[in-house]
């Protein structure tokens, strides 16, 4: 059995902003937002308030990241980020 490769438009066609995956509604841009918040969280120039806001956003996005399945294929170098995903995965199970 062969599987066809998947393109972004196969997941979210033009004009669609969200999809349900594994029981969660996931908005387009979720992964990009998660990664952007990691950038803030790890930025040595960011102040503590900015890092805290990024941490809250990461925790809020984590269940959608788990629903997408990214955590099954990626291990984040930062153990705090990795733990956020582990916690979200444990919570969802």
N, C-alpha and C. Protein backbone atom coordinates (compact mmCIF):
# COMPACT_ATOMS: atom_id res chain seq x y z
N UNK A 1 0.85 -1.18 0.00
CA UNK A 1 0.00 0.00 0.00
C UNK A 1 0.89 1.24 0.00
N UNK A 2 0.66 2.12 -0.91
CA UNK A 2 1.44 3.36 -0.94
C UNK A 2 0.57 4.51 -0.46
N UNK A 3 1.24 5.46 0.12
CA UNK A 3 0.54 6.65 0.61
C UNK A 3 1.00 7.84 -0.20
N UNK A 4 0.08 8.70 -0.50
CA UNK A 4 0.37 9.92 -1.24
C UNK A 4 0.90 10.97 -0.27
N UNK A 5 1.88 11.75 -0.72
CA UNK A 5 2.37 12.84 0.13
C UNK A 5 1.26 13.86 0.36
N UNK A 6 1.37 14.58 1.45
CA UNK A 6 0.36 15.55 1.85
C UNK A 6 0.91 16.96 1.68
N UNK A 7 0.11 17.81 1.11
CA UNK A 7 0.46 19.22 0.93
C UNK A 7 -0.38 20.05 1.91
N UNK A 8 0.07 21.27 2.24
CA UNK A 8 -0.70 22.08 3.20
C UNK A 8 -2.18 22.24 2.81
N UNK A 9 -2.44 22.43 1.54
CA UNK A 9 -3.83 22.63 1.10
C UNK A 9 -4.67 21.36 1.25
N UNK A 10 -4.02 20.21 1.39
CA UNK A 10 -4.76 18.98 1.67
C UNK A 10 -5.30 18.97 3.10
N UNK A 11 -4.63 19.66 3.98
CA UNK A 11 -5.05 19.73 5.38
C UNK A 11 -6.04 20.88 5.57
N UNK A 12 -5.66 22.07 5.11
CA UNK A 12 -6.52 23.26 5.21
C UNK A 12 -6.65 23.89 3.83
N UNK A 13 -7.73 23.62 3.12
CA UNK A 13 -7.92 24.24 1.81
C UNK A 13 -8.07 25.76 1.94
N UNK A 14 -7.85 26.46 0.85
CA UNK A 14 -8.03 27.91 0.86
C UNK A 14 -9.39 28.27 1.43
N UNK A 15 -9.41 29.28 2.28
CA UNK A 15 -10.65 29.75 2.89
C UNK A 15 -11.04 29.05 4.18
N UNK A 16 -10.31 28.01 4.55
CA UNK A 16 -10.59 27.30 5.80
C UNK A 16 -9.58 27.75 6.84
N UNK A 17 -10.06 28.16 8.01
CA UNK A 17 -9.19 28.70 9.05
C UNK A 17 -8.94 27.74 10.21
N UNK A 18 -9.73 26.68 10.29
CA UNK A 18 -9.56 25.74 11.40
C UNK A 18 -10.04 24.37 10.96
N UNK A 19 -9.59 23.37 11.71
CA UNK A 19 -9.95 21.99 11.41
C UNK A 19 -10.03 21.24 12.74
N UNK A 20 -10.83 20.20 12.77
CA UNK A 20 -10.86 19.36 13.96
C UNK A 20 -9.90 18.19 13.74
N UNK A 21 -8.98 18.03 14.69
CA UNK A 21 -8.02 16.93 14.64
C UNK A 21 -7.99 16.27 16.00
N UNK A 22 -8.20 14.99 16.02
CA UNK A 22 -8.15 14.22 17.27
C UNK A 22 -8.98 14.86 18.38
N UNK A 23 -10.17 15.32 18.02
CA UNK A 23 -11.10 15.86 19.01
C UNK A 23 -10.84 17.29 19.42
N UNK A 24 -9.88 17.96 18.79
CA UNK A 24 -9.55 19.35 19.12
C UNK A 24 -9.72 20.22 17.89
N UNK A 25 -10.25 21.42 18.08
CA UNK A 25 -10.29 22.39 17.00
C UNK A 25 -8.93 23.08 16.96
N UNK A 26 -8.30 23.03 15.79
CA UNK A 26 -6.96 23.59 15.61
C UNK A 26 -7.04 24.67 14.54
N UNK A 27 -6.61 25.87 14.90
CA UNK A 27 -6.60 26.99 13.96
C UNK A 27 -5.35 26.95 13.11
N UNK A 28 -5.49 27.48 11.88
CA UNK A 28 -4.29 27.62 11.07
C UNK A 28 -3.38 28.60 11.79
N UNK A 29 -2.11 28.41 11.67
CA UNK A 29 -1.16 29.27 12.36
C UNK A 29 -0.77 28.79 13.74
N UNK A 30 -1.36 27.69 14.19
CA UNK A 30 -1.08 27.20 15.54
C UNK A 30 0.39 26.87 15.73
N UNK A 31 0.97 26.14 14.81
CA UNK A 31 2.38 25.76 14.94
C UNK A 31 3.27 26.99 14.85
N UNK A 32 2.95 27.89 13.93
CA UNK A 32 3.75 29.12 13.80
C UNK A 32 3.67 29.95 15.08
N UNK A 33 2.50 30.03 15.69
CA UNK A 33 2.35 30.78 16.94
C UNK A 33 3.12 30.10 18.07
N UNK A 34 3.07 28.77 18.11
CA UNK A 34 3.80 28.03 19.14
C UNK A 34 5.29 28.31 19.02
N UNK A 35 5.81 28.22 17.80
CA UNK A 35 7.24 28.46 17.59
C UNK A 35 7.63 29.91 17.87
N UNK A 36 6.77 30.86 17.50
CA UNK A 36 7.05 32.27 17.77
C UNK A 36 7.11 32.54 19.28
N UNK A 37 6.25 31.87 20.04
CA UNK A 37 6.29 32.05 21.49
C UNK A 37 7.51 31.39 22.11
N UNK A 38 8.01 30.32 21.51
CA UNK A 38 9.27 29.74 21.98
C UNK A 38 10.39 30.74 21.77
N UNK A 39 10.38 31.43 20.65
CA UNK A 39 11.40 32.45 20.38
C UNK A 39 11.41 33.52 21.47
N UNK A 40 10.23 33.98 21.86
CA UNK A 40 10.14 34.98 22.93
C UNK A 40 10.61 34.39 24.25
N UNK A 41 10.13 33.19 24.56
CA UNK A 41 10.46 32.52 25.82
C UNK A 41 11.97 32.34 25.99
N UNK A 42 12.66 32.09 24.88
CA UNK A 42 14.10 31.83 24.93
C UNK A 42 14.96 33.05 24.65
N UNK A 43 14.34 34.18 24.32
CA UNK A 43 15.09 35.39 23.96
C UNK A 43 15.69 36.04 25.20
N UNK A 44 16.99 36.12 25.24
CA UNK A 44 17.65 36.72 26.41
C UNK A 44 17.34 38.21 26.54
N UNK A 45 16.86 38.84 25.48
CA UNK A 45 16.50 40.26 25.53
C UNK A 45 15.07 40.48 26.04
N UNK A 46 14.28 39.43 26.06
CA UNK A 46 12.90 39.55 26.54
C UNK A 46 12.90 39.70 28.06
N UNK A 47 12.00 40.57 28.55
CA UNK A 47 11.91 40.72 30.00
C UNK A 47 11.05 39.61 30.59
N UNK A 48 11.01 39.54 31.90
CA UNK A 48 10.31 38.45 32.58
C UNK A 48 8.82 38.43 32.26
N UNK A 49 8.20 39.60 32.15
CA UNK A 49 6.77 39.66 31.82
C UNK A 49 6.52 39.08 30.42
N UNK A 50 7.36 39.43 29.47
CA UNK A 50 7.22 38.90 28.11
C UNK A 50 7.39 37.38 28.10
N UNK A 51 8.35 36.89 28.86
CA UNK A 51 8.58 35.45 28.93
C UNK A 51 7.40 34.73 29.59
N UNK A 52 6.83 35.34 30.62
CA UNK A 52 5.67 34.75 31.29
C UNK A 52 4.47 34.70 30.35
N UNK A 53 4.25 35.78 29.60
CA UNK A 53 3.15 35.80 28.63
C UNK A 53 3.35 34.73 27.57
N UNK A 54 4.58 34.57 27.11
CA UNK A 54 4.89 33.53 26.12
C UNK A 54 4.65 32.15 26.70
N UNK A 55 5.02 31.94 27.96
CA UNK A 55 4.80 30.64 28.61
C UNK A 55 3.31 30.31 28.71
N UNK A 56 2.51 31.30 29.04
CA UNK A 56 1.06 31.09 29.11
C UNK A 56 0.52 30.74 27.72
N UNK A 57 0.96 31.46 26.71
CA UNK A 57 0.52 31.18 25.35
C UNK A 57 0.94 29.77 24.93
N UNK A 58 2.16 29.37 25.27
CA UNK A 58 2.63 28.02 24.95
C UNK A 58 1.75 26.96 25.60
N UNK A 59 1.40 27.16 26.85
CA UNK A 59 0.54 26.21 27.55
C UNK A 59 -0.86 26.16 26.92
N UNK A 60 -1.36 27.33 26.49
CA UNK A 60 -2.67 27.37 25.85
C UNK A 60 -2.68 26.69 24.49
N UNK A 61 -1.57 26.77 23.78
CA UNK A 61 -1.46 26.18 22.44
C UNK A 61 -1.07 24.70 22.48
N UNK A 62 -0.55 24.24 23.60
CA UNK A 62 0.04 22.90 23.68
C UNK A 62 -0.95 21.79 23.33
N UNK A 63 -2.18 21.88 23.76
CA UNK A 63 -3.12 20.79 23.46
C UNK A 63 -3.40 20.69 21.97
N UNK A 64 -3.42 21.82 21.27
CA UNK A 64 -3.60 21.79 19.81
C UNK A 64 -2.36 21.20 19.13
N UNK A 65 -1.18 21.53 19.64
CA UNK A 65 0.06 20.97 19.10
C UNK A 65 0.08 19.46 19.29
N UNK A 66 -0.39 19.00 20.44
CA UNK A 66 -0.49 17.57 20.70
C UNK A 66 -1.52 16.94 19.76
N UNK A 67 -2.65 17.59 19.55
CA UNK A 67 -3.69 17.06 18.66
C UNK A 67 -3.16 16.91 17.23
N UNK A 68 -2.32 17.83 16.81
CA UNK A 68 -1.73 17.76 15.47
C UNK A 68 -0.76 16.59 15.38
N UNK A 69 -0.12 16.26 16.49
CA UNK A 69 0.81 15.13 16.53
C UNK A 69 2.27 15.52 16.42
N UNK A 70 2.56 16.81 16.48
CA UNK A 70 3.95 17.27 16.36
C UNK A 70 4.84 16.62 17.41
N UNK A 71 4.32 16.50 18.62
CA UNK A 71 5.11 15.96 19.73
C UNK A 71 5.55 14.51 19.51
N UNK A 72 4.90 13.80 18.58
CA UNK A 72 5.28 12.42 18.29
C UNK A 72 6.53 12.34 17.42
N UNK A 73 6.89 13.46 16.80
CA UNK A 73 7.98 13.46 15.83
C UNK A 73 9.10 14.44 16.16
N UNK A 74 8.86 15.31 17.11
CA UNK A 74 9.83 16.36 17.44
C UNK A 74 10.08 16.36 18.94
N UNK A 75 11.35 16.44 19.31
CA UNK A 75 11.72 16.64 20.71
C UNK A 75 12.38 18.01 20.78
N UNK A 76 11.84 18.87 21.59
CA UNK A 76 12.38 20.22 21.71
C UNK A 76 13.63 20.22 22.58
N UNK A 77 14.61 20.99 22.18
CA UNK A 77 15.88 21.09 22.91
C UNK A 77 15.68 21.67 24.30
N UNK A 78 14.78 22.62 24.42
CA UNK A 78 14.52 23.26 25.69
C UNK A 78 13.63 22.34 26.54
N UNK A 79 14.13 21.85 27.66
CA UNK A 79 13.34 20.91 28.47
C UNK A 79 12.05 21.52 29.03
N UNK A 80 12.00 22.82 29.22
CA UNK A 80 10.76 23.44 29.71
C UNK A 80 9.68 23.38 28.64
N UNK A 81 10.06 23.61 27.39
CA UNK A 81 9.10 23.53 26.29
C UNK A 81 8.63 22.09 26.12
N UNK A 82 9.58 21.17 26.15
CA UNK A 82 9.25 19.75 26.02
C UNK A 82 8.28 19.33 27.13
N UNK A 83 8.50 19.80 28.35
CA UNK A 83 7.63 19.45 29.47
C UNK A 83 6.22 20.01 29.29
N UNK A 84 6.10 21.18 28.71
CA UNK A 84 4.76 21.75 28.43
C UNK A 84 3.98 20.80 27.53
N UNK A 85 4.63 20.25 26.51
CA UNK A 85 3.95 19.32 25.61
C UNK A 85 3.67 17.99 26.29
N UNK A 86 4.59 17.51 27.09
CA UNK A 86 4.36 16.26 27.82
C UNK A 86 3.17 16.41 28.75
N UNK A 87 3.11 17.54 29.45
CA UNK A 87 1.99 17.79 30.37
C UNK A 87 0.67 17.85 29.61
N UNK A 88 0.67 18.51 28.45
CA UNK A 88 -0.55 18.61 27.65
C UNK A 88 -0.97 17.24 27.14
N UNK A 89 -0.01 16.42 26.73
CA UNK A 89 -0.32 15.08 26.25
C UNK A 89 -0.87 14.22 27.38
N UNK A 90 -0.29 14.31 28.55
CA UNK A 90 -0.77 13.54 29.71
C UNK A 90 -2.16 13.99 30.13
N UNK A 91 -2.42 15.30 30.03
CA UNK A 91 -3.72 15.83 30.40
C UNK A 91 -4.81 15.36 29.44
N UNK A 92 -4.44 15.29 28.14
CA UNK A 92 -5.42 14.88 27.13
C UNK A 92 -5.71 13.39 27.17
N UNK A 93 -4.82 12.60 27.76
CA UNK A 93 -5.04 11.14 27.76
C UNK A 93 -5.81 10.71 28.95
